[in-house]
Amino acid sequence: MFPKPIVSVALLVLITAVQASGQTSPSLGDLARQVRSEKGTTQPKKVITNENLSADPIAGDFRVGESNDPKAGLTPAPKAPSAPSMDQAKSALDKMDILLNQVDLLDRATLVKYALANKEVNFPGREAWEQRLLASRQTYVTHGRELTQKGRQMMESAQALEASHATADDPRVQNLNSNLKQFVQDCVRTGAAFQAVVLEGRDLASQAPTH
């Protein structure tokens, strides 16, 4: 029989890689939802307070807000991690598709605004940077969609291998493992490239002279 641990590891790698790629700019999805909320959709507008404030809305530098709850510091005993399932992997891929669609729908002004953390700074080379931001966003979305499709194909391959009672030394299993490694690298590289342009803009804005 196809060893369960191999299937579980394959799914865990896939889920982790997809989540890592999506966490590159975690608030872009929140931003898209907020924009729709401000335009009168039924989604409730999130109220930002000191207790849920994200210090960096795109780079993902989150801080924990203070709480007056005396039990807030108590941490429940951790539960033993359960083996990832196909449904969890599918959910991770579906969420990534939703995030990519939301990022893709952001207009230029909104994307630039939040990339610069709401700071309106007319720094030298801003026009060229905005063009790079738009191009990197398109690459992130396009390649991200290719990766989610590839992830689904690997899920199907894992299921087929299990059904065929493949063993760990089966060339097909080894090929799947190789594809998973490449998948992880592609996810990390895709997310990092987009984030690098975002951080470049923030760095240029921080160096601009103030009046």
Protein backbone atom coordinates (compact mmCIF):
# COMPACT_ATOMS: atom_id res chain seq x y z
CA MET A 1 0.00 0.00 0.00
CA PHE A 2 1.10 3.58 -0.64
CA PRO A 3 2.52 4.65 2.74
CA LYS A 4 0.22 7.07 4.54
CA PRO A 5 3.13 9.11 5.96
CA ILE A 6 4.30 9.95 2.44
CA VAL A 7 0.85 11.17 1.47
CA SER A 8 0.60 13.19 4.67
CA VAL A 9 4.03 14.74 4.18
CA ALA A 10 3.21 15.58 0.57
CA LEU A 11 0.01 17.34 1.61
CA LEU A 12 1.73 19.16 4.48
CA VAL A 13 4.46 20.43 2.16
CA LEU A 14 1.88 21.58 -0.38
CA ILE A 15 -0.26 23.38 2.22
CA THR A 16 2.73 25.06 3.85
CA ALA A 17 4.13 26.23 0.52
CA VAL A 18 0.81 27.71 -0.61
CA GLN A 19 0.29 29.47 2.70
CA ALA A 20 3.83 30.85 2.60
CA SER A 21 3.23 32.33 -0.84
CA GLY A 22 -0.04 33.89 0.30
CA GLN A 23 1.52 35.34 3.44
CA THR A 24 3.89 37.41 1.34
CA SER A 25 1.33 40.18 1.34
CA PRO A 26 -1.30 38.99 3.79
CA SER A 27 -3.22 42.23 4.01
CA LEU A 28 -3.79 42.58 0.28
CA GLY A 29 -6.68 40.17 0.60
CA ASP A 30 -7.98 42.12 3.59
CA LEU A 31 -7.53 45.30 1.59
CA ALA A 32 -9.59 43.98 -1.31
CA ARG A 33 -12.38 43.00 1.07
CA GLN A 34 -12.20 46.41 2.75
CA VAL A 35 -12.41 48.21 -0.58
CA ARG A 36 -15.53 46.23 -1.48
CA SER A 37 -16.99 46.99 1.94
CA GLU A 38 -16.44 50.71 1.50
CA LYS A 39 -18.24 50.52 -1.83
CA GLY A 40 -21.36 49.21 -0.14
CA THR A 41 -21.11 45.43 -0.28
CA THR A 42 -22.66 43.31 2.42
CA GLN A 43 -19.34 42.40 4.00
CA PRO A 44 -18.88 44.15 7.38
CA LYS A 45 -16.09 46.70 7.58
CA LYS A 46 -13.35 45.63 9.94
CA VAL A 47 -12.76 48.02 12.83
CA ILE A 48 -9.08 48.46 13.55
CA THR A 49 -8.21 48.84 17.22
CA ASN A 50 -5.03 48.66 19.28
CA GLU A 51 -5.88 45.05 20.03
CA ASN A 52 -6.00 43.87 16.43
CA LEU A 53 -3.74 46.42 14.77
CA SER A 54 -1.28 45.21 12.17
CA ALA A 55 1.83 47.37 12.36
CA ASP A 56 2.64 46.71 8.72
CA PRO A 57 -0.42 46.08 6.53
CA ILE A 58 1.44 44.47 3.63
CA ALA A 59 4.77 43.20 4.89
CA GLY A 60 2.99 41.25 7.61
CA ASP A 61 4.75 42.72 10.65
CA PHE A 62 2.00 42.04 13.16
CA ARG A 63 2.01 42.98 16.82
CA VAL A 64 -0.21 41.80 19.64
CA GLY A 65 -2.39 44.46 21.21
CA GLU A 66 -2.60 44.98 24.94
CA SER A 67 -5.50 43.43 26.78
CA ASN A 68 -7.07 44.01 30.16
CA ASP A 69 -8.17 40.41 30.40
CA PRO A 70 -6.17 38.80 33.23
CA LYS A 71 -6.55 35.44 31.52
CA ALA A 72 -5.12 36.72 28.25
CA GLY A 73 -1.65 35.50 29.12
CA LEU A 74 -2.78 31.95 29.78
CA THR A 75 -2.04 29.64 26.88
CA PRO A 76 -4.06 26.42 26.54
CA ALA A 77 -2.17 23.17 26.26
CA PRO A 78 -1.25 22.58 22.61
CA LYS A 79 -3.16 19.88 20.83
CA ALA A 80 -1.36 17.12 18.98
CA PRO A 81 -1.20 18.07 15.28
CA SER A 82 -3.42 15.98 13.07
CA ALA A 83 -2.37 14.65 9.70
CA PRO A 84 -3.33 17.01 6.88
CA SER A 85 -6.16 15.89 4.66
CA MET A 86 -6.98 16.35 1.00
CA ASP A 87 -9.78 18.71 2.03
CA GLN A 88 -7.30 20.91 3.91
CA ALA A 89 -4.97 21.02 0.93
CA LYS A 90 -7.86 21.90 -1.37
CA SER A 91 -8.98 24.63 1.05
CA ALA A 92 -5.48 26.14 1.07
CA LEU A 93 -5.41 26.21 -2.73
CA ASP A 94 -8.92 27.69 -2.91
CA LYS A 95 -7.97 30.46 -0.47
CA MET A 96 -4.88 31.21 -2.51
CA ASP A 97 -7.00 31.55 -5.65
CA ILE A 98 -9.30 33.96 -3.84
CA LEU A 99 -6.35 36.05 -2.64
CA LEU A 100 -4.87 36.17 -6.13
CA ASN A 101 -8.20 37.33 -7.58
CA GLN A 102 -8.48 40.06 -4.95
CA VAL A 103 -4.94 41.29 -5.56
CA ASP A 104 -5.54 41.24 -9.31
CA LEU A 105 -8.64 43.44 -8.97
CA LEU A 106 -6.91 46.24 -7.04
CA ASP A 107 -6.62 49.44 -9.06
CA ARG A 108 -3.26 51.13 -9.37
CA ALA A 109 -3.91 53.92 -6.89
CA THR A 110 -5.12 51.56 -4.18
CA LEU A 111 -2.28 49.10 -4.68
CA VAL A 112 0.32 51.88 -4.51
CA LYS A 113 -1.34 53.44 -1.47
CA TYR A 114 -1.17 50.29 0.59
CA ALA A 115 2.20 49.22 -0.76
CA LEU A 116 3.53 52.46 0.72
CA ALA A 117 1.66 51.83 3.99
CA ASN A 118 -0.72 54.75 3.35
CA LYS A 119 2.14 57.25 3.07
CA GLU A 120 1.81 59.72 0.22
CA VAL A 121 5.42 60.49 -0.65
CA ASN A 122 6.52 61.81 -4.05
CA PHE A 123 10.01 60.35 -4.01
CA PRO A 124 12.46 60.40 -6.95
CA GLY A 125 11.84 57.48 -9.29
CA ARG A 126 8.32 56.87 -8.01
CA GLU A 127 6.79 56.54 -11.47
CA ALA A 128 9.33 53.88 -12.46
CA TRP A 129 8.77 52.05 -9.16
CA GLU A 130 5.00 52.05 -9.67
CA GLN A 131 5.50 50.45 -13.05
CA ARG A 132 7.67 47.76 -11.45
CA LEU A 133 5.04 47.25 -8.77
CA LEU A 134 2.31 46.73 -11.36
CA ALA A 135 4.50 44.36 -13.36
CA SER A 136 5.49 42.35 -10.28
CA ARG A 137 1.85 42.18 -9.18
CA GLN A 138 0.89 40.73 -12.56
CA THR A 139 3.71 38.18 -12.37
CA TYR A 140 2.69 37.26 -8.82
CA VAL A 141 -0.93 36.73 -9.86
CA THR A 142 -0.19 34.90 -13.11
CA HIS A 143 2.45 32.58 -11.71
CA GLY A 144 0.47 32.13 -8.50
CA ARG A 145 -2.47 30.81 -10.48
CA GLU A 146 -0.16 28.44 -12.33
CA LEU A 147 1.12 27.18 -8.99
CA THR A 148 -2.34 26.53 -7.55
CA GLN A 149 -3.19 24.56 -10.67
CA LYS A 150 0.03 22.60 -10.32
CA GLY A 151 -0.77 21.99 -6.66
CA ARG A 152 -4.12 20.47 -7.57
CA GLN A 153 -2.44 18.22 -10.12
CA MET A 154 -0.01 16.98 -7.46
CA MET A 155 -2.93 16.27 -5.12
CA GLU A 156 -4.51 14.12 -7.83
CA SER A 157 -1.19 12.36 -8.37
CA ALA A 158 -0.89 11.58 -4.66
CA GLN A 159 -4.40 10.14 -4.62
CA ALA A 160 -3.70 8.03 -7.71
CA LEU A 161 -0.46 6.70 -6.22
CA GLU A 162 -2.21 5.74 -3.02
CA ALA A 163 -4.95 3.96 -4.96
CA SER A 164 -2.32 2.03 -6.94
CA HIS A 165 -0.55 0.88 -3.73
CA ALA A 166 2.70 2.54 -4.75
CA THR A 167 5.69 2.19 -2.43
CA ALA A 168 8.28 4.74 -1.34
CA ASP A 169 10.84 3.49 -3.87
CA ASP A 170 8.39 3.76 -6.75
CA PRO A 171 9.78 6.18 -9.38
CA ARG A 172 6.41 7.90 -9.49
CA VAL A 173 6.59 8.62 -5.76
CA GLN A 174 10.13 9.91 -6.12
CA ASN A 175 9.01 12.11 -9.00
CA LEU A 176 6.17 13.49 -6.88
CA ASN A 177 8.63 14.32 -4.09
CA SER A 178 10.88 16.09 -6.59
CA ASN A 179 7.93 18.08 -7.92
CA LEU A 180 6.95 19.06 -4.38
CA LYS A 181 10.44 20.41 -3.69
CA GLN A 182 10.27 22.49 -6.87
CA PHE A 183 6.78 23.61 -5.92
CA VAL A 184 8.02 24.93 -2.57
CA GLN A 185 10.88 26.81 -4.22
CA ASP A 186 8.54 28.35 -6.80
CA CYS A 187 6.05 29.46 -4.14
CA VAL A 188 8.74 31.11 -2.04
CA ARG A 189 10.40 32.73 -5.05
CA THR A 190 7.11 34.06 -6.45
CA GLY A 191 6.05 35.62 -3.17
CA ALA A 192 9.49 37.04 -2.39
CA ALA A 193 9.79 38.76 -5.78
CA PHE A 194 6.55 40.67 -5.27
CA GLN A 195 7.43 41.55 -1.69
CA ALA A 196 10.85 42.84 -2.76
CA VAL A 197 9.25 45.49 -5.00
CA VAL A 198 6.86 46.52 -2.23
CA LEU A 199 9.73 46.94 0.22
CA GLU A 200 11.76 48.79 -2.41
CA GLY A 201 9.03 51.42 -2.62
CA ARG A 202 8.89 51.80 1.13
CA ASP A 203 12.64 52.17 1.29
CA LEU A 204 12.62 54.85 -1.42
CA ALA A 205 9.78 56.66 0.34
CA SER A 206 11.63 56.61 3.67
CA GLN A 207 14.69 58.18 2.05
CA ALA A 208 12.74 61.00 0.39
CA PRO A 209 13.42 64.45 1.89
CA THR A 210 10.64 65.84 4.05
CA HIS A 211 9.40 69.41 3.69
